[in-house]
Amino acid sequence: MLLILSLGGTMPDSSISQRLASLPSLSKPALCELWRQLFKREPPPEIRKDLMLRIVAHRLQEQA
């Protein structure tokens, strides 16, 4: 769960690349937790994992 512990501040490009590369290996519950941290709300109840991955990846890049 190291991926979801440090979300604040600016991150070097290599860090973002590593985080993005690790997203597909996360379980859906882990993605849901990351979603909560990034969006400060619950994910939509029936969202598919593949769509969640894309949205989370987009948000991580926005915050970089």
N, C-alpha and C. Protein backbone atom coordinates (compact mmCIF):
# COMPACT_ATOMS: atom_id res chain seq x y z
N MET A 1 0.80 -1.21 0.00
CA MET A 1 0.00 0.00 0.00
C MET A 1 0.85 1.27 0.00
N LEU A 2 2.09 1.19 -0.33
CA LEU A 2 2.93 2.38 -0.38
C LEU A 2 2.42 3.39 -1.38
N LEU A 3 1.75 2.92 -2.41
CA LEU A 3 1.25 3.79 -3.46
C LEU A 3 0.33 4.87 -2.92
N ILE A 4 -0.50 4.54 -1.95
CA ILE A 4 -1.52 5.49 -1.50
C ILE A 4 -1.10 6.31 -0.30
N LEU A 5 0.10 6.16 0.18
CA LEU A 5 0.48 6.87 1.40
C LEU A 5 0.92 8.31 1.17
N SER A 6 1.57 8.59 0.05
CA SER A 6 2.08 9.95 -0.14
C SER A 6 1.49 10.56 -1.40
N LEU A 7 0.44 11.36 -1.23
CA LEU A 7 -0.22 11.98 -2.37
C LEU A 7 0.08 13.47 -2.49
N GLY A 8 0.58 14.08 -1.45
CA GLY A 8 0.76 15.52 -1.47
C GLY A 8 2.05 15.96 -2.12
N GLY A 9 2.11 17.22 -2.47
CA GLY A 9 3.32 17.81 -3.01
C GLY A 9 3.56 17.46 -4.47
N THR A 10 4.65 18.00 -4.98
CA THR A 10 5.01 17.69 -6.36
C THR A 10 5.87 16.45 -6.38
N MET A 11 5.71 15.66 -7.41
CA MET A 11 6.45 14.41 -7.52
C MET A 11 7.28 14.43 -8.78
N PRO A 12 8.48 13.86 -8.73
CA PRO A 12 9.28 13.77 -9.95
C PRO A 12 8.58 12.89 -10.98
N ASP A 13 8.91 13.10 -12.26
CA ASP A 13 8.29 12.33 -13.33
C ASP A 13 8.46 10.84 -13.14
N SER A 14 9.61 10.40 -12.66
CA SER A 14 9.83 8.96 -12.49
C SER A 14 8.90 8.40 -11.43
N SER A 15 8.60 9.17 -10.40
CA SER A 15 7.69 8.72 -9.35
C SER A 15 6.29 8.55 -9.91
N ILE A 16 5.83 9.51 -10.69
CA ILE A 16 4.51 9.42 -11.31
C ILE A 16 4.47 8.21 -12.25
N SER A 17 5.51 8.02 -13.02
CA SER A 17 5.56 6.88 -13.94
C SER A 17 5.46 5.57 -13.18
N GLN A 18 6.16 5.47 -12.09
CA GLN A 18 6.12 4.25 -11.28
C GLN A 18 4.73 4.03 -10.68
N ARG A 19 4.14 5.08 -10.20
CA ARG A 19 2.80 4.97 -9.60
C ARG A 19 1.78 4.56 -10.65
N LEU A 20 1.86 5.18 -11.84
CA LEU A 20 0.92 4.84 -12.90
C LEU A 20 1.11 3.39 -13.34
N ALA A 21 2.36 2.96 -13.43
CA ALA A 21 2.65 1.59 -13.85
C ALA A 21 2.13 0.57 -12.84
N SER A 22 2.08 0.94 -11.57
CA SER A 22 1.65 0.00 -10.54
C SER A 22 0.13 -0.08 -10.40
N LEU A 23 -0.61 0.86 -10.97
CA LEU A 23 -2.07 0.87 -10.81
C LEU A 23 -2.75 -0.43 -11.25
N PRO A 24 -2.43 -0.99 -12.42
CA PRO A 24 -3.14 -2.21 -12.84
C PRO A 24 -2.98 -3.39 -11.89
N SER A 25 -1.95 -3.39 -11.09
CA SER A 25 -1.74 -4.52 -10.17
C SER A 25 -2.55 -4.37 -8.87
N LEU A 26 -3.16 -3.21 -8.66
CA LEU A 26 -3.94 -3.00 -7.44
C LEU A 26 -5.28 -3.74 -7.52
N SER A 27 -5.74 -4.20 -6.40
CA SER A 27 -7.06 -4.82 -6.31
C SER A 27 -8.12 -3.71 -6.36
N LYS A 28 -9.34 -4.10 -6.62
CA LYS A 28 -10.41 -3.10 -6.63
C LYS A 28 -10.57 -2.43 -5.27
N PRO A 29 -10.51 -3.18 -4.13
CA PRO A 29 -10.59 -2.48 -2.84
C PRO A 29 -9.44 -1.46 -2.65
N ALA A 30 -8.25 -1.78 -3.12
CA ALA A 30 -7.13 -0.84 -3.01
C ALA A 30 -7.37 0.39 -3.89
N LEU A 31 -7.93 0.18 -5.08
CA LEU A 31 -8.27 1.31 -5.95
C LEU A 31 -9.35 2.17 -5.32
N CYS A 32 -10.30 1.54 -4.65
CA CYS A 32 -11.35 2.30 -3.98
C CYS A 32 -10.76 3.18 -2.88
N GLU A 33 -9.81 2.66 -2.15
CA GLU A 33 -9.16 3.45 -1.10
C GLU A 33 -8.38 4.62 -1.70
N LEU A 34 -7.68 4.36 -2.78
CA LEU A 34 -6.94 5.43 -3.46
C LEU A 34 -7.92 6.47 -3.99
N TRP A 35 -9.04 6.04 -4.54
CA TRP A 35 -10.09 6.95 -5.02
C TRP A 35 -10.53 7.87 -3.88
N ARG A 36 -10.80 7.29 -2.72
CA ARG A 36 -11.23 8.09 -1.56
C ARG A 36 -10.19 9.15 -1.20
N GLN A 37 -8.93 8.78 -1.28
CA GLN A 37 -7.87 9.73 -0.95
C GLN A 37 -7.76 10.84 -2.00
N LEU A 38 -7.92 10.48 -3.25
CA LEU A 38 -7.76 11.45 -4.33
C LEU A 38 -8.97 12.38 -4.48
N PHE A 39 -10.16 11.83 -4.31
CA PHE A 39 -11.38 12.59 -4.59
C PHE A 39 -12.15 13.02 -3.34
N LYS A 40 -11.72 12.52 -2.16
CA LYS A 40 -12.38 12.87 -0.89
C LYS A 40 -13.86 12.48 -0.88
N ARG A 41 -14.19 11.39 -1.57
CA ARG A 41 -15.55 10.84 -1.59
C ARG A 41 -15.49 9.38 -2.02
N GLU A 42 -16.60 8.70 -1.84
CA GLU A 42 -16.69 7.29 -2.22
C GLU A 42 -16.74 7.16 -3.75
N PRO A 43 -16.17 6.09 -4.28
CA PRO A 43 -16.31 5.86 -5.73
C PRO A 43 -17.75 5.45 -6.04
N PRO A 44 -18.18 5.64 -7.27
CA PRO A 44 -19.52 5.17 -7.65
C PRO A 44 -19.63 3.67 -7.39
N PRO A 45 -20.75 3.21 -6.86
CA PRO A 45 -20.86 1.81 -6.41
C PRO A 45 -20.61 0.76 -7.49
N GLU A 46 -21.04 0.98 -8.69
CA GLU A 46 -20.93 -0.05 -9.74
C GLU A 46 -19.84 0.24 -10.77
N ILE A 47 -18.89 1.10 -10.46
CA ILE A 47 -17.85 1.44 -11.43
C ILE A 47 -16.95 0.23 -11.68
N ARG A 48 -16.64 0.00 -12.93
CA ARG A 48 -15.76 -1.11 -13.31
C ARG A 48 -14.32 -0.75 -12.99
N LYS A 49 -13.53 -1.77 -12.69
CA LYS A 49 -12.14 -1.56 -12.33
C LYS A 49 -11.37 -0.86 -13.45
N ASP A 50 -11.59 -1.25 -14.71
CA ASP A 50 -10.84 -0.63 -15.80
C ASP A 50 -11.13 0.86 -15.93
N LEU A 51 -12.38 1.26 -15.72
CA LEU A 51 -12.72 2.68 -15.76
C LEU A 51 -12.14 3.41 -14.56
N MET A 52 -12.20 2.77 -13.40
CA MET A 52 -11.62 3.36 -12.20
C MET A 52 -10.12 3.61 -12.38
N LEU A 53 -9.44 2.65 -12.99
CA LEU A 53 -8.00 2.81 -13.25
C LEU A 53 -7.72 4.05 -14.09
N ARG A 54 -8.49 4.24 -15.14
CA ARG A 54 -8.28 5.40 -16.02
C ARG A 54 -8.52 6.72 -15.30
N ILE A 55 -9.58 6.76 -14.51
CA ILE A 55 -9.91 8.01 -13.80
C ILE A 55 -8.85 8.31 -12.74
N VAL A 56 -8.44 7.30 -12.00
CA VAL A 56 -7.41 7.49 -10.97
C VAL A 56 -6.09 7.92 -11.62
N ALA A 57 -5.73 7.30 -12.72
CA ALA A 57 -4.49 7.68 -13.42
C ALA A 57 -4.56 9.13 -13.87
N HIS A 58 -5.69 9.54 -14.39
CA HIS A 58 -5.86 10.93 -14.82
C HIS A 58 -5.70 11.89 -13.65
N ARG A 59 -6.31 11.56 -12.53
CA ARG A 59 -6.23 12.41 -11.34
C ARG A 59 -4.80 12.52 -10.84
N LEU A 60 -4.08 11.39 -10.82
CA LEU A 60 -2.67 11.42 -10.37
C LEU A 60 -1.84 12.33 -11.26
N GLN A 61 -2.10 12.28 -12.56
CA GLN A 61 -1.35 13.14 -13.48
C GLN A 61 -1.74 14.60 -13.32
N GLU A 62 -3.00 14.87 -13.02
CA GLU A 62 -3.43 16.24 -12.75
C GLU A 62 -2.69 16.83 -11.56
N GLN A 63 -2.50 16.01 -10.54
CA GLN A 63 -1.90 16.49 -9.31
C GLN A 63 -0.38 16.55 -9.37
N ALA A 64 0.21 16.01 -10.41
CA ALA A 64 1.68 15.98 -10.52
C ALA A 64 2.22 17.37 -10.81
